Protein backbone atom coordinates (compact mmCIF):
# COMPACT_ATOMS: atom_id res chain seq x y z
CA MET A 1 72.49 85.70 124.05
CA ALA A 2 75.15 83.09 124.71
CA GLU A 3 75.79 82.21 128.32
CA HIS A 4 79.09 83.36 129.72
CA ILE A 5 80.71 80.18 131.04
CA LYS A 6 83.57 80.52 133.47
CA MET A 7 86.36 77.97 133.34
CA THR A 8 88.53 76.74 136.15
CA ALA A 9 92.19 77.71 136.01
CA GLN A 10 93.08 74.19 134.84
CA GLU A 11 90.40 74.21 132.12
CA ALA A 12 91.51 77.63 130.91
CA LYS A 13 95.14 76.53 130.76
CA GLN A 14 94.24 73.38 128.83
CA LYS A 15 92.18 75.43 126.35
CA ALA A 16 94.98 77.94 125.84
CA GLU A 17 97.61 75.22 125.44
CA ALA A 18 95.42 73.50 122.84
CA ILE A 19 95.25 76.77 120.90
CA ARG A 20 99.01 77.22 121.20
CA LYS A 21 99.53 73.72 119.76
CA ILE A 22 97.31 74.62 116.79
CA ILE A 23 99.34 77.79 116.25
CA LEU A 24 102.68 75.97 116.35
CA ASP A 25 101.43 73.08 114.20
CA THR A 26 100.08 75.51 111.60
CA TYR A 27 103.40 77.35 111.50
CA HIS A 28 105.45 74.15 111.14
CA ASN A 29 103.10 72.64 108.53
CA GLU A 30 102.25 75.70 106.43
CA VAL A 31 104.66 78.61 106.98
CA LYS A 32 108.07 77.15 107.77
CA PRO A 33 108.18 74.87 104.66
CA SER A 34 106.78 77.54 102.30
CA PRO A 35 108.87 78.56 99.25
CA PHE A 36 109.78 81.96 100.76
CA PHE A 37 111.32 80.49 103.90
CA SER A 38 112.74 77.38 102.26
CA GLU A 39 114.68 79.55 99.82
CA LEU A 40 115.61 82.07 102.54
CA ARG A 41 117.20 79.32 104.64
CA ALA A 42 118.96 77.94 101.57
CA GLY A 43 120.30 81.39 100.66
CA THR A 44 118.61 81.27 97.23
CA LEU A 45 115.75 83.72 97.83
CA SER A 46 116.11 86.62 95.42
CA ARG A 47 117.04 90.06 96.69
CA LYS A 48 114.00 91.37 94.82
CA ARG A 49 111.77 89.25 97.04
CA LEU A 50 113.59 90.43 100.16
CA GLN A 51 113.07 94.02 99.04
CA GLY A 52 109.40 93.32 98.36
CA TRP A 53 109.10 91.82 101.82
CA ILE A 54 110.46 94.83 103.70
CA LYS A 55 108.49 97.36 101.64
CA ASN A 56 105.27 95.58 102.58
CA TRP A 57 106.27 94.63 106.13
CA TYR A 58 106.92 98.15 107.37
CA ALA A 59 103.21 99.03 107.58
CA PHE A 60 102.50 95.90 109.59
CA ALA A 61 105.33 96.52 112.05
CA LEU A 62 104.15 100.06 112.69
CA GLU A 63 100.36 99.69 112.65
CA VAL A 64 100.13 96.52 114.70
CA ASN A 65 102.17 98.07 117.50
CA THR A 66 99.89 101.10 117.64
CA GLY A 67 96.90 98.75 117.60
CA MET A 68 98.24 96.95 120.65
CA ALA A 69 98.27 100.23 122.54
CA THR A 70 94.65 100.79 121.50
CA SER A 71 93.63 97.40 122.92
CA TYR A 72 94.92 98.47 126.32
CA HIS A 73 92.36 101.25 126.33
CA GLN A 74 89.59 99.05 124.94
CA PHE A 75 89.98 96.46 127.73
CA VAL A 76 91.17 98.80 130.47
CA GLY A 77 88.36 97.69 132.80
CA PHE A 78 89.63 94.12 132.65
CA PHE A 79 93.23 95.17 133.19
CA LYS A 80 92.37 97.40 136.16
CA ARG A 81 91.11 94.28 137.91
CA HIS A 82 94.28 92.37 137.06
CA PRO A 83 97.25 94.64 137.75
CA GLU A 84 99.73 91.80 137.25
CA LEU A 85 98.50 91.38 133.65
CA GLU A 86 98.33 95.15 133.22
CA ASN A 87 101.99 95.34 134.21
CA ARG A 88 102.95 92.70 131.65
CA LEU A 89 100.97 94.36 128.86
CA ALA A 90 102.37 97.79 129.70
CA GLN A 91 105.88 96.35 129.61
CA LYS A 92 105.23 94.82 126.18
CA ILE A 93 103.87 98.09 124.81
CA GLY A 94 106.79 100.00 126.31
CA GLU A 95 109.32 97.63 124.75
CA GLU A 96 107.71 97.91 121.33
CA PHE A 97 108.02 101.71 121.37
CA THR A 98 111.30 102.23 123.25
CA THR A 99 113.59 99.30 122.32
CA PRO A 100 116.34 99.84 121.34
CA ALA A 101 115.51 103.58 121.46
CA ILE A 102 112.56 105.99 121.20
CA GLY A 103 110.41 104.93 118.26
CA GLY A 104 110.96 101.28 119.05
CA HIS A 105 111.08 98.27 116.81
CA ALA A 106 109.77 99.89 113.63
CA ARG A 107 112.64 102.42 113.66
CA MET A 108 115.08 99.58 113.08
CA LEU A 109 113.50 98.73 109.74
CA PRO A 110 115.01 101.65 107.76
CA ILE A 111 118.46 100.37 108.79
CA LEU A 112 117.55 96.91 107.56
CA GLY A 113 115.98 98.37 104.42
CA LYS A 114 119.13 100.31 103.58
CA ALA A 115 121.17 97.10 103.79
CA LEU A 116 118.72 95.49 101.37
CA GLY A 117 118.76 98.46 98.99
CA VAL A 118 115.38 99.95 99.94
CA ARG A 119 114.93 103.64 100.80
CA PRO A 120 112.77 104.64 103.82
CA GLU A 121 110.25 106.46 101.63
CA GLU A 122 109.75 103.27 99.62
CA MET A 123 108.54 101.59 102.82
CA ILE A 124 106.55 104.55 104.12
CA GLU A 125 104.73 105.19 100.84
CA CYS A 126 104.41 101.56 99.75
CA GLU A 127 101.08 100.65 98.15
CA LEU A 128 100.67 97.28 99.80
CA ILE A 129 100.08 94.15 97.79
CA PRO A 130 96.66 92.57 98.54
CA GLU A 131 98.15 89.92 100.82
CA ALA A 132 99.97 92.58 102.85
CA ARG A 133 96.87 94.77 103.07
CA GLY A 134 94.91 91.76 104.27
CA LEU A 135 97.55 91.01 106.90
CA VAL A 136 97.72 94.57 108.22
CA ASP A 137 93.98 95.12 108.31
CA PHE A 138 93.25 91.72 109.88
CA PHE A 139 95.70 92.27 112.71
CA VAL A 140 94.81 95.90 113.33
CA ARG A 141 91.13 94.97 113.49
CA SER A 142 92.00 92.10 115.85
CA TRP A 143 93.32 94.67 118.32
CA ILE A 144 90.57 97.28 118.11
CA ASP A 145 87.16 95.72 117.56
CA ILE A 146 86.87 92.05 118.53
CA PRO A 147 86.03 90.51 121.93
CA LEU A 148 88.68 90.05 124.59
CA ALA A 149 89.20 86.28 124.35
CA GLU A 150 89.27 86.30 120.55
CA CYS A 151 91.76 89.17 120.57
CA TYR A 152 94.31 87.36 122.69
CA ALA A 153 93.73 83.99 121.00
CA VAL A 154 94.68 85.69 117.71
CA HIS A 155 97.76 87.30 119.23
CA MET A 156 99.13 84.14 120.77
CA GLU A 157 100.67 83.76 117.29
CA GLU A 158 103.29 86.27 118.40
CA GLU A 159 105.55 83.39 119.38
CA ILE A 160 106.09 82.37 115.77
CA PHE A 161 107.69 85.74 114.99
CA GLY A 162 110.57 84.52 117.10
CA PHE A 163 111.06 81.57 114.76
CA ILE A 164 110.64 83.76 111.68
CA SER A 165 113.17 86.27 113.03
CA GLN A 166 115.59 83.44 113.71
CA ASP A 167 115.35 82.30 110.08
CA PHE A 168 116.04 85.82 108.84
CA ARG A 169 118.91 86.44 111.27
CA GLN A 170 120.65 83.18 110.44
CA SER A 171 120.14 83.51 106.67
CA LEU A 172 120.74 87.16 105.80
CA PRO A 173 124.53 87.18 106.40
CA ARG A 174 124.70 85.23 103.12
CA TYR A 175 123.33 88.38 101.48
CA GLY A 176 126.06 90.55 102.99
CA LEU A 177 124.12 91.88 105.98
CA THR A 178 125.84 92.52 109.30
CA ALA A 179 124.65 91.96 112.85
CA GLU A 180 123.99 95.70 113.13
CA ASP A 181 121.87 95.63 109.97
CA MET A 182 119.79 92.80 111.44
CA LYS A 183 119.18 94.23 114.91
CA TYR A 184 115.44 94.18 114.19
CA PHE A 185 115.47 90.39 114.06
CA ARG A 186 117.66 89.95 117.11
CA VAL A 187 115.30 92.05 119.23
CA HIS A 188 112.26 90.12 118.02
CA GLU A 189 113.89 86.74 118.40
CA GLU A 190 114.85 87.48 121.99
CA ALA A 191 111.47 89.01 122.89
CA ASP A 192 109.04 86.69 121.14
CA LEU A 193 110.74 83.47 122.21
CA ASP A 194 111.11 84.68 125.81
CA GLU A 195 108.55 82.99 128.06
CA GLU A 196 107.78 86.14 130.06
CA HIS A 197 107.26 88.29 126.98
CA GLY A 198 105.87 85.74 124.55
CA GLY A 199 103.54 84.17 127.12
CA THR A 200 101.77 87.40 128.08
CA ASN A 201 98.98 86.99 125.52
CA GLN A 202 98.36 83.42 126.65
CA ALA A 203 98.28 84.49 130.30
CA ILE A 204 95.69 87.17 129.48
CA LEU A 205 93.59 84.65 127.55
CA GLU A 206 93.63 82.16 130.43
CA VAL A 207 92.33 84.74 132.91
CA ALA A 208 89.73 85.93 130.40
CA LEU A 209 88.44 82.36 130.07
CA GLN A 210 88.29 82.00 133.85
CA GLU A 211 86.13 85.12 134.02
CA GLY A 212 83.68 84.04 131.32
CA TYR A 213 84.91 86.07 128.35
CA GLY A 214 85.26 82.97 126.20
CA ASN A 215 81.83 82.89 124.54
CA GLU A 216 82.52 82.52 120.84
CA ARG A 217 80.87 84.40 117.99
CA ALA A 218 79.57 82.38 115.05
CA GLY A 219 82.50 81.49 112.84
CA TRP A 220 85.08 82.62 115.40
CA PRO A 221 85.92 79.72 117.74
CA LEU A 222 89.11 80.45 119.60
CA GLU A 223 90.98 77.62 117.92
CA TYR A 224 90.16 79.22 114.57
CA CYS A 225 91.43 82.58 115.83
CA GLY A 226 94.84 81.10 116.49
CA ARG A 227 94.98 79.15 113.25
CA ILE A 228 93.79 81.92 110.91
CA ALA A 229 96.30 84.36 112.42
CA VAL A 230 99.17 82.09 111.37
CA GLN A 231 97.59 81.43 107.98
CA MET A 232 97.30 85.16 107.33
CA ILE A 233 101.05 85.46 107.95
CA GLY A 234 101.69 82.56 105.60
CA ASN A 235 99.45 84.15 102.97
CA PHE A 236 101.50 87.35 103.23
CA TYR A 237 104.80 85.58 102.57
CA ASP A 238 103.27 83.55 99.75
CA GLY A 239 102.06 86.82 98.20
CA VAL A 240 105.49 88.42 98.42
CA TYR A 241 107.07 85.33 96.89
CA ARG A 242 104.58 85.25 94.01
CA ARG A 243 104.47 88.98 93.21
CA TYR A 244 108.20 89.77 93.43
CA ALA A 245 109.53 86.94 91.30
């Protein structure tokens, strides 16, 4: 069995910052310049692709949030010993399910879908494309059945949803959408780019590394966890672009 090595606070911070750099570099090199986002920013992405995106995104928005709540239970022993981190995680979970009202972030998607010409049942009953199924199942599994350090290394990618939301919010008015239609993106942009909210997963990872939770399974170094999370998101958008031409 691998030895559990505890890091100093400085070592843990350096490790986490190195993972964050990998996440941001992967986003800027692979996701931001992809055809989906290049055409979205140019205002040339087809409405059919936007409709395909929201049909397949709804499951992710809903299931990943419920998975985050499950992780709280899975690692409750860790969080009981760190009430300051428990408070931050509880606040994140609460925001996901209560902002801007009961039901939380996912309840804003039917409003957005209507503006794009997609009915709620089309999102709820959507048979996900393979890339979307891979995205949903990867992230749900990353909440419910992987070790603590790996879990929060994966979810440090949350910051890039702020950039993605910004692209959508700035681009969709060209398609006739209003600020009210796009509330989903405004909420995510504000939350995921906010240091207190967006840095929670990194803060949890740093303490986990200090306490010796950083032993890595074969094939799952923490740097890989951060990188593959972003690549799964990129794969999803590439799949939508390809399948809804």
